Amino acid sequence: MARPQASWRVLVSPLIVVVVWELLSAAGILRPNYVPPPSQLGPHLLALLAGGELWRHLGVTLYRLGLSFVFALIPAILLGLSLGMSRTARLALEPILTSLYAIPKIALLPLVMLVLGVNERTLIFTSTLTSFVQMTVSTMGGVLAVDRSILEAGKNYGATGWRLFRYVLFPSALPDIFTGMRIGLSLTLVLVIAVELTAAQEGLGAFLWTAGQTFSAKNLFSAFIVIGVVGLTLTYGLERIGNWLMPWRERSSAAMFL
């Protein structure tokens, strides 16, 4: 659990940005037509939320994000564990995985459109591929990074086969798996927004595109704020789940900074 004195520190940098932003606008350095000050942006964002339009676009984006992440999660972890434990499978599939990892997934959108057409499946599949590759690589790396002395100690205490995997290998790789999940979730959000910018009528990406086409700076910055809050909330939420599942990691991390 986070220490109370540390909880307020996460608010310091956003508050500084808001104050500096407002001061630069008041000094005329930032033009309100292009960069609206927080004093104008705040009421506009609240009005958008009260009107329901922004909530509708947010709901569509979260739906796509959730589906993409869930569809990628279990296959990626299973494949990553298999590649980490089997040298034969790793040698056979790692070149393909590495190639996919290096390709920007948004670049695959035209190909996916040719195969699946311009529809919801195209958006979900393209976004799923991003988190799938990231989580597979992180899970495989977590298994390969397990200290062999820990495995030997487990075997000496009688842990073999499934018991060795359940009580030694998987818990040791779990921090890397959660790291991959956090990165994968963030990348999926980026891909969902990018795909919505290109090939969607609803969602925060589509809202951003419309705002840009109509030169509505307040709508643009409102969408930026909502996307940032969503990313921050999801990342910290996943981190809290990880700390709950792996209390030893939280204690060890806290001890490093005492």
Protein backbone atom coordinates (compact mmCIF):
# COMPACT_ATOMS: atom_id res chain seq x y z
CA MET A 1 0.00 0.00 0.00
CA ALA A 2 1.31 3.48 -0.91
CA ARG A 3 2.50 5.61 1.97
CA PRO A 4 0.15 8.57 2.75
CA GLN A 5 2.93 11.14 2.49
CA ALA A 6 3.72 9.92 -1.03
CA SER A 7 0.14 10.05 -2.34
CA TRP A 8 0.04 13.83 -2.70
CA ARG A 9 3.36 13.97 -4.57
CA VAL A 10 1.82 12.64 -7.76
CA LEU A 11 -0.29 15.83 -7.91
CA VAL A 12 2.64 18.22 -7.74
CA SER A 13 3.81 18.06 -11.37
CA PRO A 14 0.27 18.32 -12.87
CA LEU A 15 -0.46 21.34 -10.67
CA ILE A 16 2.80 23.00 -11.72
CA VAL A 17 1.95 22.42 -15.39
CA VAL A 18 -1.53 23.92 -14.93
CA VAL A 19 -0.20 27.00 -13.12
CA VAL A 20 2.59 27.63 -15.66
CA TRP A 21 0.13 27.05 -18.50
CA GLU A 22 -2.29 29.62 -17.09
CA LEU A 23 0.48 32.14 -16.47
CA LEU A 24 1.84 31.79 -20.02
CA SER A 25 -1.65 32.33 -21.38
CA ALA A 26 -2.20 35.39 -19.18
CA ALA A 27 1.13 36.81 -20.38
CA GLY A 28 0.04 36.39 -24.01
CA ILE A 29 2.79 33.89 -24.82
CA LEU A 30 0.22 31.18 -25.57
CA ARG A 31 -2.61 32.18 -27.89
CA PRO A 32 -5.97 31.03 -26.47
CA ASN A 33 -7.30 30.29 -29.97
CA TYR A 34 -4.69 27.54 -30.31
CA VAL A 35 -3.84 26.67 -26.69
CA PRO A 36 -6.83 27.47 -24.44
CA PRO A 37 -5.86 28.26 -20.83
CA PRO A 38 -7.03 25.91 -18.05
CA SER A 39 -9.49 28.55 -16.81
CA GLN A 40 -11.35 28.25 -20.13
CA LEU A 41 -10.67 24.60 -20.80
CA GLY A 42 -12.04 23.36 -17.47
CA PRO A 43 -15.60 24.72 -17.94
CA HIS A 44 -15.61 23.57 -21.57
CA LEU A 45 -14.61 20.03 -20.59
CA LEU A 46 -17.31 19.92 -17.92
CA ALA A 47 -19.88 21.13 -20.46
CA LEU A 48 -18.84 18.38 -22.89
CA LEU A 49 -19.19 15.77 -20.16
CA ALA A 50 -22.53 17.16 -19.04
CA GLY A 51 -23.81 17.08 -22.63
CA GLY A 52 -23.01 13.37 -22.89
CA GLU A 53 -21.14 13.48 -26.22
CA LEU A 54 -17.71 12.96 -24.72
CA TRP A 55 -19.01 10.15 -22.51
CA ARG A 56 -20.35 8.37 -25.59
CA HIS A 57 -17.00 8.55 -27.39
CA LEU A 58 -15.18 7.52 -24.21
CA GLY A 59 -17.44 4.49 -23.77
CA VAL A 60 -16.77 3.32 -27.34
CA THR A 61 -13.00 3.67 -26.88
CA LEU A 62 -13.03 1.81 -23.55
CA TYR A 63 -15.11 -0.97 -25.11
CA ARG A 64 -12.58 -1.42 -27.91
CA LEU A 65 -9.68 -1.16 -25.50
CA GLY A 66 -11.15 -3.76 -23.15
CA LEU A 67 -11.90 -6.25 -25.91
CA SER A 68 -8.48 -5.83 -27.51
CA PHE A 69 -6.64 -6.30 -24.22
CA VAL A 70 -8.69 -9.30 -23.07
CA PHE A 71 -8.40 -11.06 -26.43
CA ALA A 72 -4.61 -10.67 -26.29
CA LEU A 73 -4.02 -11.42 -22.60
CA ILE A 74 -4.43 -15.18 -22.19
CA PRO A 75 -2.95 -16.26 -25.57
CA ALA A 76 0.04 -13.96 -25.04
CA ILE A 77 0.80 -15.25 -21.54
CA LEU A 78 0.40 -18.90 -22.59
CA LEU A 79 2.60 -18.44 -25.65
CA GLY A 80 5.20 -16.44 -23.70
CA LEU A 81 5.41 -19.11 -21.01
CA SER A 82 5.75 -21.83 -23.65
CA LEU A 83 8.50 -19.98 -25.50
CA GLY A 84 10.34 -19.30 -22.26
CA MET A 85 10.25 -22.94 -21.15
CA SER A 86 10.84 -24.63 -24.52
CA ARG A 87 14.03 -23.86 -26.40
CA THR A 88 12.71 -25.67 -29.48
CA ALA A 89 9.55 -23.55 -29.62
CA ARG A 90 11.60 -20.41 -28.99
CA LEU A 91 13.98 -21.11 -31.85
CA ALA A 92 11.04 -21.83 -34.16
CA LEU A 93 8.84 -18.85 -33.36
CA GLU A 94 11.13 -16.13 -31.99
CA PRO A 95 12.16 -14.81 -35.47
CA ILE A 96 8.50 -14.24 -36.39
CA LEU A 97 7.76 -12.67 -33.02
CA THR A 98 10.78 -10.40 -33.24
CA SER A 99 9.78 -9.27 -36.73
CA LEU A 100 6.24 -8.47 -35.59
CA TYR A 101 7.63 -6.63 -32.55
CA ALA A 102 9.67 -4.33 -34.79
CA ILE A 103 6.78 -3.45 -37.11
CA PRO A 104 4.60 -0.49 -36.06
CA LYS A 105 1.20 -2.15 -35.69
CA ILE A 106 -0.63 0.83 -37.16
CA ALA A 107 1.27 0.09 -40.39
CA LEU A 108 -0.60 -3.21 -40.59
CA LEU A 109 -3.97 -1.45 -40.67
CA PRO A 110 -4.20 -1.24 -44.50
CA LEU A 111 -3.45 -4.97 -44.79
CA VAL A 112 -6.02 -5.84 -42.13
CA MET A 113 -8.56 -3.64 -43.92
CA LEU A 114 -7.95 -5.54 -47.16
CA VAL A 115 -8.52 -8.87 -45.43
CA LEU A 116 -11.32 -8.03 -42.97
CA GLY A 117 -12.79 -4.89 -44.53
CA VAL A 118 -13.44 -1.57 -42.81
CA ASN A 119 -15.41 -2.62 -39.74
CA GLU A 120 -15.22 -3.12 -36.00
CA ARG A 121 -13.28 -6.38 -36.34
CA THR A 122 -10.48 -4.52 -38.11
CA LEU A 123 -10.13 -2.03 -35.25
CA ILE A 124 -10.16 -4.73 -32.58
CA PHE A 125 -7.74 -7.05 -34.38
CA THR A 126 -5.17 -4.33 -35.09
CA SER A 127 -5.26 -3.15 -31.47
CA THR A 128 -5.15 -6.71 -30.12
CA LEU A 129 -2.00 -7.49 -32.08
CA THR A 130 -0.12 -4.70 -30.31
CA SER A 131 -0.67 -5.91 -26.76
CA PHE A 132 -0.35 -9.57 -27.80
CA VAL A 133 3.19 -9.13 -29.12
CA GLN A 134 4.30 -6.96 -26.19
CA MET A 135 2.92 -9.28 -23.50
CA THR A 136 4.31 -12.38 -25.24
CA VAL A 137 7.81 -10.91 -25.38
CA SER A 138 7.67 -9.72 -21.76
CA THR A 139 6.37 -13.06 -20.49
CA MET A 140 9.04 -14.98 -22.39
CA GLY A 141 11.71 -12.63 -21.04
CA GLY A 142 10.39 -13.08 -17.50
CA VAL A 143 10.68 -16.86 -17.73
CA LEU A 144 14.18 -16.67 -19.20
CA ALA A 145 15.25 -14.24 -16.47
CA VAL A 146 14.31 -16.57 -13.60
CA ASP A 147 17.37 -17.29 -11.50
CA ARG A 148 18.42 -20.89 -12.11
CA SER A 149 19.49 -21.22 -8.47
CA ILE A 150 15.86 -20.60 -7.46
CA LEU A 151 14.74 -23.39 -9.75
CA GLU A 152 17.38 -25.73 -8.35
CA ALA A 153 16.32 -24.85 -4.81
CA GLY A 154 12.71 -25.65 -5.70
CA LYS A 155 13.73 -29.00 -7.14
CA ASN A 156 15.77 -29.78 -4.02
CA TYR A 157 12.62 -29.23 -1.94
CA GLY A 158 10.71 -31.68 -4.12
CA ALA A 159 9.00 -29.30 -6.53
CA THR A 160 8.89 -30.84 -9.98
CA GLY A 161 6.65 -30.56 -13.02
CA TRP A 162 3.44 -28.65 -12.31
CA ARG A 163 4.45 -27.87 -8.71
CA LEU A 164 7.73 -26.34 -9.88
CA PHE A 165 5.86 -24.23 -12.42
CA ARG A 166 3.13 -23.13 -10.01
CA TYR A 167 5.20 -22.37 -6.92
CA VAL A 168 8.57 -21.33 -8.38
CA LEU A 169 8.68 -20.50 -12.08
CA PHE A 170 5.40 -18.62 -12.54
CA PRO A 171 5.67 -16.44 -9.37
CA SER A 172 9.25 -15.55 -10.32
CA ALA A 173 8.18 -14.48 -13.82
CA LEU A 174 5.02 -12.68 -12.63
CA PRO A 175 6.64 -9.21 -12.19
CA ASP A 176 7.81 -9.25 -15.81
CA ILE A 177 4.41 -10.48 -16.94
CA PHE A 178 2.72 -7.55 -15.20
CA THR A 179 5.25 -5.15 -16.66
CA GLY A 180 4.35 -6.46 -20.09
CA MET A 181 0.65 -6.08 -19.27
CA ARG A 182 1.12 -2.46 -18.24
CA ILE A 183 3.09 -1.61 -21.37
CA GLY A 184 0.71 -3.63 -23.53
CA LEU A 185 -2.33 -1.86 -22.10
CA SER A 186 -0.78 1.56 -22.74
CA LEU A 187 0.21 0.61 -26.29
CA THR A 188 -3.25 -0.77 -26.94
CA LEU A 189 -4.80 2.54 -25.89
CA VAL A 190 -2.45 4.34 -28.29
CA LEU A 191 -3.38 1.96 -31.12
CA VAL A 192 -7.10 2.20 -30.44
CA ILE A 193 -6.93 6.01 -30.63
CA ALA A 194 -4.75 5.88 -33.76
CA VAL A 195 -7.07 3.43 -35.52
CA GLU A 196 -10.10 5.52 -34.54
CA LEU A 197 -8.42 8.55 -36.07
CA THR A 198 -8.09 6.64 -39.32
CA ALA A 199 -11.12 4.40 -39.67
CA ALA A 200 -13.88 5.08 -37.13
CA GLN A 201 -16.94 7.26 -36.75
CA GLU A 202 -17.08 7.04 -32.95
CA GLY A 203 -14.51 6.97 -30.17
CA LEU A 204 -12.04 9.46 -28.75
CA GLY A 205 -9.86 9.17 -31.86
CA ALA A 206 -12.81 10.07 -34.09
CA PHE A 207 -13.66 12.93 -31.73
CA LEU A 208 -10.07 14.17 -32.04
CA TRP A 209 -10.23 13.98 -35.83
CA THR A 210 -13.46 15.98 -35.95
CA ALA A 211 -12.04 18.58 -33.57
CA GLY A 212 -8.96 18.96 -35.74
CA GLN A 213 -10.99 19.28 -38.93
CA THR A 214 -13.22 21.95 -37.38
CA PHE A 215 -10.30 23.79 -35.73
CA SER A 216 -11.83 23.38 -32.27
CA ALA A 217 -8.83 23.72 -29.96
CA LYS A 218 -10.95 23.33 -26.82
CA ASN A 219 -12.33 20.01 -28.03
CA LEU A 220 -8.83 18.85 -28.95
CA PHE A 221 -7.37 19.62 -25.55
CA SER A 222 -10.43 18.20 -23.78
CA ALA A 223 -9.90 14.91 -25.60
CA PHE A 224 -6.17 14.98 -24.74
CA ILE A 225 -7.01 15.39 -21.06
CA VAL A 226 -9.55 12.56 -21.09
CA ILE A 227 -7.13 10.21 -22.87
CA GLY A 228 -4.38 11.10 -20.40
CA VAL A 229 -6.65 10.47 -17.41
CA VAL A 230 -7.77 7.14 -18.87
CA GLY A 231 -4.18 6.03 -19.46
CA LEU A 232 -3.10 7.11 -15.98
CA THR A 233 -6.05 5.42 -14.29
CA LEU A 234 -5.62 2.13 -16.13
CA THR A 235 -1.87 2.03 -15.57
CA TYR A 236 -2.08 2.76 -11.84
CA GLY A 237 -5.03 0.39 -11.49
CA LEU A 238 -3.08 -2.46 -13.07
CA GLU A 239 -0.09 -1.60 -10.88
CA ARG A 240 -2.27 -1.81 -7.75
CA ILE A 241 -3.54 -5.23 -8.85
CA GLY A 242 0.06 -6.32 -9.36
CA ASN A 243 1.04 -5.09 -5.89
CA TRP A 244 -1.90 -6.98 -4.43
CA LEU A 245 -0.93 -10.20 -6.20
CA MET A 246 2.79 -9.72 -5.53
CA PRO A 247 3.15 -8.10 -2.09
CA TRP A 248 6.79 -9.17 -1.92
CA ARG A 249 7.61 -6.91 -4.88
CA GLU A 250 6.06 -3.86 -3.20
CA ARG A 251 7.97 -4.49 0.02
CA SER A 252 11.26 -4.95 -1.79
CA SER A 253 10.72 -1.80 -3.85
CA ALA A 254 9.90 0.24 -0.75
CA ALA A 255 13.01 -1.06 1.00
CA MET A 256 15.21 0.23 -1.82
CA PHE A 257 14.13 3.83 -1.20
CA LEU A 258 14.12 3.86 2.60
